[in-house]
Amino acid sequence: MSVSMENQTAAQERIFQTLAGHPGVTRIDTHGASVFLDGDRALKIKRAVKYPFLDYSTLEKRKAACEEEIRINRPLAPQIYHGVVAITERPDGSVKVGGPGRPIEYAVDMSRFDESRTLDHLAKARKFDAGLASAIADAIAASHAAATPADSEAWVSSIPALIDGNSDGLRNGDHLPGKEIEQLAQASHGAFLRIRPLLEERGRQGFVRRCHGDLHLANIVLIERQPVLFDAIEFDAQMATVDVLYDLAFPLMDLLRHDQPLAANVVLNRYLAKTPPGNLDALGVLPLFMSIRAAIRAQVTLARLRPPHSDDAGIVDEARHYFNLAWALIQPPAPCLIAVGGLSGTGKTVLAGALAPAVAPQPGAVVLRSDVIRKQMFGVADTHRLPPSAYTPELAERVYIALAERARHVLAQGHSAIVDGVFARDVERDAFAALARDCNVPLTGLFLVADLATRQARIGARRGDASDATQEVAALQEHYNIGHIGWTTIDASGTQAQTLQRCRDTIAEGK
């Protein structure tokens, strides 16, 4: 460290001690910043440091970094980020935030939030549900829609170095077996070579953007019941310029690490529903992306093994969990196709959503629903009610063709699919049997049955659903000539849990 850096560090420490000396102020230090919490306010000061990935070695650079942090983060979290404030010194040597005098430092002026409401804390406390997971996906999708498209060459070319950097970090301290680290690296490089043409094509299609860049669960907080993304990377635009699915892979991986498979699956499916169709054709990148993210967390965790934590078994155990997840994700099992049929009100959609998280590979199956596809064909919202003319046999045929085509795209990417539709005609069921054969994947067909009164009661209780079926439609369906089903018939007249267990048992028996 140069003399000037030493002087700056000493000068900063005097400022820090002054700020922390006020009653009620709490100081939190990280490798790149010191944060001062005072009531509802937080001040974040860049520390006078220089690393390979950031340079805060001069006051001018620290001011510019503060301004860039506001520029990047305020659109994501206007509730948190307010502006840059000068810390000044008066002739008598007194230091004041935003006061008159000579600026001697700069800070990001922020509103303090409840740290217990970050999503890592909520995940550990098991306070996740499908509604929160959907809101997370919506927030991420909105951030990607607003992100600026960028050239993809640097991003794609950087991936081998990311893999090698993870390997170097994982070898630190010999806490993980070297052979396993090498196996992970080889599998990761192999996966990259397979998907590189797809990544380059996605760059040409505009899927590489200036994203958040560090979207683990601790950087998403619940404010007024809505997830807010914060602390996006501001110090290195190239580090944050990535494929949008690499950005998404971080929270997906983190949710899996925190034993939240349902939330991870809901985030994936909701994100796919809210973003361009091209993402459906790129599911094959997720195993590598999620594995790299898990390996990053493993090595970052190991980096905490410094005095006084050099022999902390808990830190090593956490790193091992992330490493094991990285290894599991990079070698996904073969996909499968599950078809859920049944008349309206039998509980197909609820069942599909409950089955999906446990269908390998992680983070669970993509759920494709005929009702949603029909609404998309007409260019309306899922809950918009269509007229009877939208339900002709000709349109039904188009819907099932589109359903099969989307399932084919998912399976071609090595990902599993669950298709949800009435499947009242044998030609519809036969088409999906043929699809499974073409894609060389196993098909599990589940046909739910329940009495008319049960189906009508469930339809009457629906709110905000994509289905247009009414109780009258349910009565008409009683006269359908379904013919020989050929799938496993499931009694769905009981509770959702009972139906789910019967279906899980059927799937397990078929393996």
Protein backbone atom coordinates (compact mmCIF):
# COMPACT_ATOMS: atom_id res chain seq x y z
CA MET A 1 0.00 0.00 0.00
CA SER A 2 1.41 3.44 -0.94
CA VAL A 3 1.94 6.25 1.57
CA SER A 4 -0.97 8.19 0.16
CA MET A 5 -3.24 5.18 0.63
CA GLU A 6 -2.01 4.82 4.19
CA ASN A 7 -2.75 8.48 4.81
CA GLN A 8 -6.21 8.12 3.32
CA THR A 9 -6.92 5.07 5.46
CA ALA A 10 -5.85 6.95 8.58
CA ALA A 11 -7.94 9.97 7.61
CA GLN A 12 -10.93 7.75 6.92
CA GLU A 13 -10.58 6.04 10.28
CA ARG A 14 -10.78 9.43 11.99
CA ILE A 15 -13.99 10.15 10.07
CA PHE A 16 -15.36 6.70 10.91
CA GLN A 17 -14.65 7.10 14.60
CA THR A 18 -16.34 10.50 14.59
CA LEU A 19 -19.47 9.13 12.94
CA ALA A 20 -19.59 6.01 15.11
CA GLY A 21 -19.10 8.12 18.22
CA HIS A 22 -22.59 9.60 18.03
CA PRO A 23 -25.15 7.99 20.36
CA GLY A 24 -27.15 5.16 18.78
CA VAL A 25 -24.92 4.79 15.70
CA THR A 26 -23.87 1.28 14.66
CA ARG A 27 -20.89 0.68 12.37
CA ILE A 28 -20.69 -2.31 10.01
CA ASP A 29 -17.51 -2.97 8.00
CA THR A 30 -17.17 -4.96 4.78
CA HIS A 31 -14.16 -5.43 2.50
CA GLY A 32 -15.16 -2.41 0.42
CA ALA A 33 -17.29 -0.16 2.62
CA SER A 34 -18.21 0.96 6.09
CA VAL A 35 -21.89 1.45 6.82
CA PHE A 36 -23.21 3.64 9.64
CA LEU A 37 -26.73 2.96 10.88
CA ASP A 38 -28.48 5.77 12.70
CA GLY A 39 -32.19 5.33 13.32
CA ASP A 40 -33.94 5.14 9.95
CA ARG A 41 -30.87 6.38 8.08
CA ALA A 42 -27.84 4.53 6.70
CA LEU A 43 -24.65 6.04 5.32
CA LYS A 44 -22.38 3.85 3.20
CA ILE A 45 -18.81 5.06 2.72
CA LYS A 46 -16.42 3.43 0.28
CA ARG A 47 -13.22 2.41 2.05
CA ALA A 48 -9.86 3.58 0.69
CA VAL A 49 -8.88 0.21 -0.77
CA LYS A 50 -7.76 -1.21 -4.11
CA TYR A 51 -8.48 -4.76 -5.21
CA PRO A 52 -8.21 -6.44 -8.60
CA PHE A 53 -11.97 -6.00 -9.02
CA LEU A 54 -12.44 -2.48 -7.59
CA ASP A 55 -10.45 0.70 -7.04
CA TYR A 56 -11.45 3.17 -4.31
CA SER A 57 -7.92 4.50 -3.89
CA THR A 58 -8.73 8.22 -4.28
CA LEU A 59 -11.46 10.54 -3.05
CA GLU A 60 -12.47 11.25 -6.66
CA LYS A 61 -12.89 7.53 -7.38
CA ARG A 62 -14.89 7.01 -4.20
CA LYS A 63 -17.21 9.87 -5.08
CA ALA A 64 -17.69 8.47 -8.58
CA ALA A 65 -18.39 5.02 -7.11
CA CYS A 66 -21.04 6.48 -4.79
CA GLU A 67 -22.68 8.25 -7.71
CA GLU A 68 -22.60 5.06 -9.76
CA GLU A 69 -24.17 3.09 -6.91
CA ILE A 70 -27.06 5.54 -6.84
CA ARG A 71 -27.41 5.44 -10.64
CA ILE A 72 -27.53 1.63 -10.70
CA ASN A 73 -29.57 0.96 -7.57
CA ARG A 74 -32.05 3.81 -7.28
CA PRO A 75 -34.22 2.53 -10.19
CA LEU A 76 -34.38 -0.86 -8.45
CA ALA A 77 -34.92 0.44 -4.92
CA PRO A 78 -36.02 4.10 -4.74
CA GLN A 79 -37.31 3.35 -1.22
CA ILE A 80 -33.72 2.75 -0.10
CA TYR A 81 -31.35 4.87 -2.21
CA HIS A 82 -31.60 8.67 -2.04
CA GLY A 83 -28.38 10.27 -3.24
CA VAL A 84 -24.75 11.08 -2.55
CA VAL A 85 -23.93 13.25 0.44
CA ALA A 86 -20.63 14.97 1.21
CA ILE A 87 -18.93 14.57 4.57
CA THR A 88 -17.28 17.90 5.26
CA GLU A 89 -14.66 19.34 7.57
CA ARG A 90 -14.89 22.88 8.95
CA PRO A 91 -11.86 25.08 9.73
CA ASP A 92 -12.09 24.08 13.39
CA GLY A 93 -11.62 20.42 12.40
CA SER A 94 -15.21 19.35 13.11
CA VAL A 95 -16.76 16.77 10.79
CA LYS A 96 -20.36 16.94 9.61
CA VAL A 97 -22.55 15.00 7.18
CA GLY A 98 -23.87 17.31 4.48
CA GLY A 99 -22.68 20.45 6.23
CA PRO A 100 -20.65 23.45 5.09
CA GLY A 101 -16.94 23.10 4.67
CA ARG A 102 -14.42 21.16 2.64
CA PRO A 103 -15.61 17.74 1.39
CA ILE A 104 -13.28 15.12 2.83
CA GLU A 105 -15.37 12.05 2.02
CA TYR A 106 -18.60 11.01 0.29
CA ALA A 107 -21.34 8.60 1.29
CA VAL A 108 -24.35 6.91 -0.26
CA ASP A 109 -27.35 8.26 1.64
CA MET A 110 -29.89 5.48 2.23
CA SER A 111 -32.98 4.61 4.21
CA ARG A 112 -32.41 1.84 6.68
CA PHE A 113 -34.60 -1.25 6.35
CA ASP A 114 -35.39 -4.15 8.63
CA GLU A 115 -32.43 -6.50 8.12
CA SER A 116 -34.53 -9.44 9.34
CA ARG A 117 -36.70 -9.02 6.21
CA THR A 118 -34.01 -9.92 3.70
CA LEU A 119 -34.93 -13.11 1.89
CA ASP A 120 -32.09 -15.18 3.31
CA HIS A 121 -33.54 -14.60 6.78
CA LEU A 122 -37.06 -15.37 5.58
CA ALA A 123 -35.85 -18.56 3.90
CA LYS A 124 -34.13 -19.74 7.07
CA ALA A 125 -37.29 -18.98 9.04
CA ARG A 126 -39.40 -20.91 6.48
CA LYS A 127 -41.50 -17.81 5.77
CA PHE A 128 -41.85 -18.40 2.05
CA ASP A 129 -45.02 -19.11 0.12
CA ALA A 130 -46.03 -19.21 -3.54
CA GLY A 131 -47.27 -15.61 -3.43
CA LEU A 132 -43.91 -14.28 -2.24
CA ALA A 133 -42.07 -16.44 -4.76
CA SER A 134 -44.24 -15.05 -7.59
CA ALA A 135 -43.55 -11.50 -6.43
CA ILE A 136 -39.80 -12.21 -6.44
CA ALA A 137 -40.00 -13.46 -10.02
CA ASP A 138 -41.99 -10.38 -11.03
CA ALA A 139 -39.37 -8.06 -9.50
CA ILE A 140 -36.51 -9.86 -11.25
CA ALA A 141 -38.36 -9.96 -14.57
CA ALA A 142 -39.08 -6.22 -14.31
CA SER A 143 -35.41 -5.47 -13.60
CA HIS A 144 -34.34 -7.48 -16.65
CA ALA A 145 -36.91 -5.79 -18.87
CA ALA A 146 -35.50 -2.41 -17.85
CA ALA A 147 -31.84 -3.48 -18.11
CA THR A 148 -29.76 -2.23 -21.02
CA PRO A 149 -28.82 -4.84 -23.67
CA ALA A 150 -25.07 -5.20 -24.17
CA ASP A 151 -22.54 -6.91 -26.37
CA SER A 152 -22.20 -10.55 -25.34
CA GLU A 153 -18.69 -11.39 -26.49
CA ALA A 154 -16.95 -10.39 -23.26
CA TRP A 155 -19.54 -12.18 -21.14
CA VAL A 156 -19.39 -15.48 -23.00
CA SER A 157 -15.59 -15.39 -23.14
CA SER A 158 -15.38 -14.77 -19.38
CA ILE A 159 -17.12 -17.99 -18.34
CA PRO A 160 -14.06 -20.30 -18.45
CA ALA A 161 -12.23 -17.83 -16.21
CA LEU A 162 -15.20 -17.83 -13.82
CA ILE A 163 -14.96 -21.62 -13.59
CA ASP A 164 -11.19 -21.55 -13.05
CA GLY A 165 -11.50 -18.75 -10.50
CA ASN A 166 -13.96 -20.83 -8.54
CA SER A 167 -11.56 -23.78 -8.58
CA ASP A 168 -8.71 -21.62 -7.27
CA GLY A 169 -10.89 -20.24 -4.50
CA LEU A 170 -12.21 -23.66 -3.53
CA ARG A 171 -8.66 -24.98 -3.12
CA ASN A 172 -7.95 -22.30 -0.53
CA GLY A 173 -6.97 -23.97 2.73
CA ASP A 174 -7.49 -27.55 1.52
CA HIS A 175 -10.93 -27.71 3.13
CA LEU A 176 -12.48 -29.48 0.13
CA PRO A 177 -11.08 -32.55 -1.68
CA GLY A 178 -8.90 -31.48 -4.60
CA LYS A 179 -10.10 -34.35 -6.77
CA GLU A 180 -13.73 -33.29 -6.39
CA ILE A 181 -12.83 -29.68 -7.20
CA GLU A 182 -11.11 -30.83 -10.38
CA GLN A 183 -14.10 -33.00 -11.33
CA LEU A 184 -16.42 -30.02 -10.88
CA ALA A 185 -14.15 -27.88 -13.05
CA GLN A 186 -14.00 -30.50 -15.81
CA ALA A 187 -17.78 -30.98 -15.80
CA SER A 188 -18.30 -27.21 -15.86
CA HIS A 189 -15.92 -26.64 -18.77
CA GLY A 190 -17.60 -29.51 -20.64
CA ALA A 191 -21.04 -27.98 -20.06
CA PHE A 192 -19.78 -24.60 -21.27
CA LEU A 193 -18.47 -26.06 -24.52
CA ARG A 194 -21.85 -27.71 -25.15
CA ILE A 195 -23.90 -24.57 -24.57
CA ARG A 196 -21.53 -21.95 -25.97
CA PRO A 197 -23.34 -21.69 -29.33
CA LEU A 198 -26.63 -21.17 -27.46
CA LEU A 199 -25.07 -18.48 -25.27
CA GLU A 200 -23.71 -16.66 -28.31
CA GLU A 201 -27.11 -16.82 -29.99
CA ARG A 202 -28.78 -15.44 -26.86
CA GLY A 203 -26.36 -12.55 -26.97
CA ARG A 204 -27.45 -11.78 -30.52
CA GLN A 205 -31.08 -11.95 -29.37
CA GLY A 206 -30.54 -9.34 -26.63
CA PHE A 207 -30.57 -11.58 -23.56
CA VAL A 208 -27.19 -10.31 -22.33
CA ARG A 209 -27.84 -7.16 -20.29
CA ARG A 210 -26.44 -4.91 -17.59
CA CYS A 211 -28.09 -6.81 -14.72
CA HIS A 212 -28.02 -6.68 -10.92
CA GLY A 213 -25.05 -9.03 -10.90
CA ASP A 214 -25.13 -10.20 -7.27
CA LEU A 215 -28.70 -11.34 -6.77
CA HIS A 216 -28.40 -13.75 -3.85
CA LEU A 217 -31.20 -13.79 -1.29
CA ALA A 218 -29.43 -11.42 1.12
CA ASN A 219 -29.65 -8.71 -1.55
CA ILE A 220 -33.44 -8.85 -1.80
CA VAL A 221 -35.52 -7.37 1.01
CA LEU A 222 -39.23 -7.34 1.72
CA ILE A 223 -40.51 -3.76 2.09
CA GLU A 224 -44.25 -3.21 2.50
CA ARG A 225 -44.75 -6.86 1.49
CA GLN A 226 -42.95 -6.41 -1.82
CA PRO A 227 -39.48 -7.79 -2.68
CA VAL A 228 -36.98 -5.04 -3.45
CA LEU A 229 -33.63 -5.69 -5.16
CA PHE A 230 -30.71 -3.75 -3.73
CA ASP A 231 -26.89 -3.64 -3.58
CA ALA A 232 -26.47 -4.30 -7.31
CA ILE A 233 -22.86 -4.33 -8.52
CA GLU A 234 -21.77 -0.80 -9.31
CA PHE A 235 -17.97 -1.10 -9.26
CA ASP A 236 -17.59 -3.26 -12.39
CA ALA A 237 -20.06 -2.99 -15.26
CA GLN A 238 -18.50 -5.98 -17.00
CA MET A 239 -19.06 -8.20 -13.96
CA ALA A 240 -22.76 -7.32 -14.00
CA THR A 241 -23.17 -7.60 -17.78
CA VAL A 242 -24.42 -11.16 -18.08
CA ASP A 243 -27.13 -13.36 -19.54
CA VAL A 244 -30.37 -12.63 -17.70
CA LEU A 245 -30.64 -16.33 -16.82
CA TYR A 246 -27.28 -16.12 -15.06
CA ASP A 247 -28.73 -13.32 -12.96
CA LEU A 248 -31.82 -15.45 -12.26
CA ALA A 249 -29.66 -18.47 -11.45
CA PHE A 250 -28.39 -16.86 -8.24
CA PRO A 251 -31.72 -16.66 -6.37
CA LEU A 252 -32.78 -20.02 -7.81
CA MET A 253 -29.62 -21.65 -6.47
CA ASP A 254 -29.87 -19.84 -3.14
CA LEU A 255 -33.47 -20.96 -2.67
CA LEU A 256 -32.40 -24.55 -3.28
CA ARG A 257 -29.56 -24.16 -0.80
CA HIS A 258 -32.04 -22.91 1.81
CA ASP A 259 -34.31 -25.92 1.24
CA GLN A 260 -37.01 -23.92 -0.54
CA PRO A 261 -37.68 -26.08 -3.62
CA LEU A 262 -41.29 -24.93 -3.99
CA ALA A 263 -40.25 -21.27 -4.00
CA ALA A 264 -37.44 -21.97 -6.49
CA ASN A 265 -39.84 -23.74 -8.83
CA VAL A 266 -42.46 -20.99 -8.59
CA VAL A 267 -39.81 -18.34 -9.29
CA LEU A 268 -38.66 -20.24 -12.38
CA ASN A 269 -42.15 -20.81 -13.78
CA ARG A 270 -43.37 -17.30 -13.04
CA TYR A 271 -40.24 -15.78 -14.57
CA LEU A 272 -40.66 -17.84 -17.74
CA ALA A 273 -44.29 -16.72 -17.96
CA LYS A 274 -43.33 -13.06 -17.57
CA THR A 275 -40.37 -12.91 -19.96
CA PRO A 276 -39.79 -13.47 -23.71
CA PRO A 277 -40.33 -17.00 -25.06
CA GLY A 278 -36.63 -17.26 -25.88
CA ASN A 279 -35.92 -18.07 -22.24
CA LEU A 280 -37.91 -21.28 -22.60
CA ASP A 281 -35.46 -22.37 -25.29
CA ALA A 282 -32.46 -21.76 -23.03
CA LEU A 283 -33.24 -23.89 -19.99
CA GLY A 284 -30.19 -25.95 -20.87
CA VAL A 285 -27.95 -23.16 -19.55
CA LEU A 286 -29.38 -23.30 -16.03
CA PRO A 287 -27.40 -26.31 -14.72
CA LEU A 288 -24.07 -24.60 -15.46
CA PHE A 289 -25.26 -21.16 -14.36
CA MET A 290 -26.66 -22.39 -11.04
CA SER A 291 -23.58 -24.56 -10.44
CA ILE A 292 -21.23 -21.62 -11.00
CA ARG A 293 -23.29 -19.52 -8.60
CA ALA A 294 -23.17 -22.25 -5.94
CA ALA A 295 -19.40 -22.60 -6.37
CA ILE A 296 -19.01 -18.83 -5.99
CA ARG A 297 -20.89 -18.95 -2.70
CA ALA A 298 -18.75 -21.88 -1.57
CA GLN A 299 -15.51 -20.04 -2.18
CA VAL A 300 -16.83 -16.77 -0.70
CA THR A 301 -17.80 -18.75 2.40
CA LEU A 302 -14.32 -20.27 2.64
CA ALA A 303 -12.83 -16.77 2.39
CA ARG A 304 -14.38 -16.04 5.80
CA LEU A 305 -11.91 -18.49 7.36
CA ARG A 306 -9.61 -15.80 8.70
CA PRO A 307 -8.81 -14.91 12.30
CA PRO A 308 -10.78 -15.20 14.52
CA HIS A 309 -12.72 -17.74 12.39
CA SER A 310 -9.81 -19.74 10.96
CA ASP A 311 -11.00 -23.04 12.42
CA ASP A 312 -14.75 -22.46 12.33
CA ALA A 313 -16.29 -25.85 11.48
CA GLY A 314 -19.64 -24.19 10.76
CA ILE A 315 -18.14 -22.10 7.97
CA VAL A 316 -16.50 -25.16 6.43
CA ASP A 317 -19.77 -27.06 6.65
CA GLU A 318 -21.65 -24.24 4.91
CA ALA A 319 -19.04 -24.14 2.14
CA ARG A 320 -19.34 -27.90 1.74
CA HIS A 321 -23.13 -27.60 1.35
CA TYR A 322 -22.71 -25.05 -1.44
CA PHE A 323 -20.02 -27.16 -3.07
CA ASN A 324 -22.18 -30.29 -2.97
CA LEU A 325 -25.02 -28.32 -4.54
CA ALA A 326 -22.68 -27.08 -7.28
CA TRP A 327 -21.71 -30.68 -8.06
CA ALA A 328 -25.33 -31.91 -8.03
CA LEU A 329 -26.47 -29.10 -10.34
CA ILE A 330 -23.78 -29.62 -12.98
CA GLN A 331 -24.83 -33.22 -13.57
CA PRO A 332 -28.63 -33.06 -13.95
CA PRO A 333 -30.57 -36.32 -14.39
CA ALA A 334 -32.53 -37.06 -17.55
CA PRO A 335 -35.83 -35.20 -17.96
CA CYS A 336 -39.32 -36.63 -18.00
CA LEU A 337 -42.79 -35.66 -19.19
CA ILE A 338 -45.82 -35.70 -16.90
CA ALA A 339 -49.31 -35.11 -18.28
CA VAL A 340 -52.13 -34.17 -15.89
CA GLY A 341 -55.63 -34.52 -17.32
CA GLY A 342 -59.16 -34.47 -15.96
CA LEU A 343 -62.42 -32.62 -16.28
CA SER A 344 -62.74 -29.06 -14.95
CA GLY A 345 -62.63 -28.84 -11.17
CA THR A 346 -60.63 -32.03 -10.55
CA GLY A 347 -57.63 -30.02 -9.30
CA LYS A 348 -55.20 -30.40 -12.21
CA THR A 349 -53.47 -27.04 -11.83
CA VAL A 350 -53.03 -27.29 -8.08
CA LEU A 351 -51.62 -30.78 -8.50
CA ALA A 352 -49.22 -29.76 -11.30
CA GLY A 353 -47.82 -26.95 -9.16
CA ALA A 354 -47.40 -29.26 -6.18
CA LEU A 355 -45.68 -31.97 -8.22
CA ALA A 356 -43.30 -29.70 -10.12
CA PRO A 357 -40.70 -28.85 -7.42
CA ALA A 358 -39.79 -32.49 -6.87
CA VAL A 359 -39.46 -33.39 -10.56
CA ALA A 360 -35.79 -33.50 -11.52
CA PRO A 361 -33.69 -31.79 -12.68
CA GLN A 362 -33.63 -28.89 -10.23
CA PRO A 363 -35.32 -26.48 -9.73
CA GLY A 364 -38.21 -28.67 -10.86
CA ALA A 365 -40.43 -29.07 -13.88
CA VAL A 366 -41.72 -26.33 -16.13
CA VAL A 367 -45.52 -26.29 -15.88
CA LEU A 368 -47.37 -25.72 -19.15
CA ARG A 369 -51.12 -25.09 -18.91
CA SER A 370 -53.61 -25.25 -21.78
CA ASP A 371 -55.78 -22.49 -20.25
CA VAL A 372 -52.84 -20.08 -20.18
CA ILE A 373 -51.75 -20.93 -23.72
CA ARG A 374 -55.29 -20.24 -24.98
CA LYS A 375 -55.26 -16.79 -23.36
CA GLN A 376 -51.86 -16.06 -24.88
CA MET A 377 -53.19 -17.01 -28.33
CA PHE A 378 -55.86 -14.35 -27.94
CA GLY A 379 -53.41 -11.81 -26.53
CA VAL A 380 -55.28 -11.32 -23.26
CA ALA A 381 -54.39 -11.61 -19.58
CA ASP A 382 -54.65 -15.01 -17.92
CA THR A 383 -57.73 -13.98 -15.96
CA HIS A 384 -59.55 -12.37 -18.91
CA ARG A 385 -62.71 -14.35 -19.67
CA LEU A 386 -62.98 -15.50 -23.28
CA PRO A 387 -66.29 -16.01 -25.12
CA PRO A 388 -67.62 -19.49 -26.02
CA SER A 389 -66.30 -18.99 -29.56
CA ALA A 390 -62.79 -19.42 -28.18
CA TYR A 391 -63.60 -23.01 -27.25
CA THR A 392 -64.39 -24.59 -30.61
CA PRO A 393 -62.89 -27.99 -31.48
CA GLU A 394 -60.65 -26.30 -34.04
CA LEU A 395 -59.23 -23.91 -31.44
CA ALA A 396 -58.84 -26.74 -28.95
CA GLU A 397 -56.71 -28.58 -31.48
CA ARG A 398 -54.51 -25.51 -31.92
CA VAL A 399 -54.11 -25.18 -28.16
CA TYR A 400 -52.96 -28.78 -27.74
CA ILE A 401 -50.57 -28.50 -30.67
CA ALA A 402 -49.03 -25.41 -29.04
CA LEU A 403 -48.92 -27.20 -25.68
CA ALA A 404 -47.03 -30.10 -27.23
CA GLU A 405 -44.65 -27.79 -29.08
CA ARG A 406 -43.72 -25.94 -25.91
CA ALA A 407 -43.22 -29.19 -24.05
CA ARG A 408 -40.95 -30.34 -26.87
CA HIS A 409 -38.82 -27.20 -26.47
CA VAL A 410 -38.49 -27.76 -22.72
CA LEU A 411 -37.56 -31.43 -23.10
CA ALA A 412 -35.05 -30.61 -25.84
CA GLN A 413 -33.22 -28.45 -23.30
CA GLY A 414 -32.88 -31.41 -20.92
CA HIS A 415 -35.57 -30.07 -18.60
CA SER A 416 -38.73 -31.80 -17.41
CA ALA A 417 -42.23 -30.60 -18.25
CA ILE A 418 -45.66 -31.03 -16.69
CA VAL A 419 -48.55 -30.38 -19.08
CA ASP A 420 -51.95 -29.47 -17.63
CA GLY A 421 -55.12 -29.82 -19.71
CA VAL A 422 -58.44 -31.62 -19.80
CA PHE A 423 -57.15 -34.22 -22.30
CA ALA A 424 -60.71 -35.42 -22.90
CA ARG A 425 -59.94 -36.83 -26.37
CA ASP A 426 -57.78 -39.86 -27.06
CA VAL A 427 -56.09 -38.03 -29.95
CA GLU A 428 -54.78 -35.44 -27.45
CA ARG A 429 -53.45 -38.12 -25.12
CA ASP A 430 -51.93 -40.05 -28.01
CA ALA A 431 -50.11 -36.95 -29.23
CA PHE A 432 -48.23 -36.64 -25.96
CA ALA A 433 -47.36 -40.32 -25.93
CA ALA A 434 -45.84 -39.78 -29.38
CA LEU A 435 -44.03 -36.67 -28.13
CA ALA A 436 -42.44 -38.63 -25.28
CA ARG A 437 -41.28 -41.30 -27.73
CA ASP A 438 -39.84 -38.70 -30.10
CA CYS A 439 -37.94 -37.03 -27.26
CA ASN A 440 -36.90 -40.37 -25.74
CA VAL A 441 -38.28 -39.46 -22.31
CA PRO A 442 -40.65 -41.37 -20.02
CA LEU A 443 -44.27 -40.25 -19.90
CA THR A 444 -46.43 -40.43 -16.81
CA GLY A 445 -50.09 -39.82 -17.59
CA LEU A 446 -52.36 -38.94 -14.67
CA PHE A 447 -56.11 -38.54 -15.21
CA LEU A 448 -57.94 -37.03 -12.24
CA VAL A 449 -61.56 -37.92 -11.51
CA ALA A 450 -64.08 -36.51 -9.04
CA ASP A 451 -67.86 -36.40 -8.77
CA LEU A 452 -69.80 -33.52 -10.30
CA ALA A 453 -70.76 -31.90 -6.97
CA THR A 454 -67.11 -31.77 -5.90
CA ARG A 455 -66.01 -30.32 -9.23
CA GLN A 456 -68.71 -27.68 -9.23
CA ALA A 457 -67.91 -26.65 -5.66
CA ARG A 458 -64.26 -26.17 -6.55
CA ILE A 459 -65.10 -24.18 -9.67
CA GLY A 460 -67.39 -21.95 -7.64
CA ALA A 461 -64.59 -21.21 -5.18
CA ARG A 462 -62.08 -20.11 -7.84
CA ARG A 463 -60.82 -16.54 -7.82
CA GLY A 464 -58.47 -14.95 -10.35
CA ASP A 465 -57.85 -18.17 -12.29
CA ALA A 466 -57.01 -18.68 -15.96
CA SER A 467 -59.77 -21.24 -16.43
CA ASP A 468 -63.05 -20.04 -17.95
CA ALA A 469 -64.91 -23.20 -16.93
CA THR A 470 -68.18 -22.59 -15.08
CA GLN A 471 -70.35 -24.93 -13.05
CA GLU A 472 -72.56 -25.26 -16.14
CA VAL A 473 -69.56 -26.27 -18.24
CA ALA A 474 -68.68 -28.88 -15.62
CA ALA A 475 -72.17 -30.37 -15.93
CA LEU A 476 -71.87 -30.55 -19.72
CA GLN A 477 -68.52 -32.32 -19.40
CA GLU A 478 -70.27 -35.20 -17.66
CA HIS A 479 -71.48 -36.25 -21.12
CA TYR A 480 -68.01 -36.35 -22.70
CA ASN A 481 -67.09 -39.64 -24.35
CA ILE A 482 -63.56 -39.88 -23.00
CA GLY A 483 -63.01 -43.44 -24.19
CA HIS A 484 -60.13 -45.61 -23.05
CA ILE A 485 -57.91 -43.28 -21.07
CA GLY A 486 -54.72 -45.33 -21.01
CA TRP A 487 -53.30 -43.21 -18.17
CA THR A 488 -53.42 -43.90 -14.44
CA THR A 489 -56.79 -42.80 -13.08
CA ILE A 490 -56.45 -40.88 -9.82
CA ASP A 491 -59.30 -40.36 -7.35
CA ALA A 492 -59.17 -36.59 -6.79
CA SER A 493 -62.33 -36.25 -4.72
CA GLY A 494 -60.44 -35.98 -1.42
CA THR A 495 -58.04 -33.36 -0.13
CA GLN A 496 -55.25 -31.85 -2.21
CA ALA A 497 -52.72 -33.67 -0.03
CA GLN A 498 -54.39 -37.02 -0.66
CA THR A 499 -54.44 -36.49 -4.41
CA LEU A 500 -50.82 -35.38 -4.40
CA GLN A 501 -49.71 -38.45 -2.47
CA ARG A 502 -51.59 -40.79 -4.81
CA CYS A 503 -49.88 -39.18 -7.78
CA ARG A 504 -46.45 -39.30 -6.16
CA ASP A 505 -46.96 -42.98 -5.45
CA THR A 506 -47.90 -43.57 -9.08
CA ILE A 507 -44.81 -41.71 -10.33
CA ALA A 508 -42.57 -43.62 -7.92
CA GLU A 509 -44.00 -46.96 -9.05
CA GLY A 510 -43.26 -46.09 -12.66
CA LYS A 511 -39.55 -45.46 -12.06
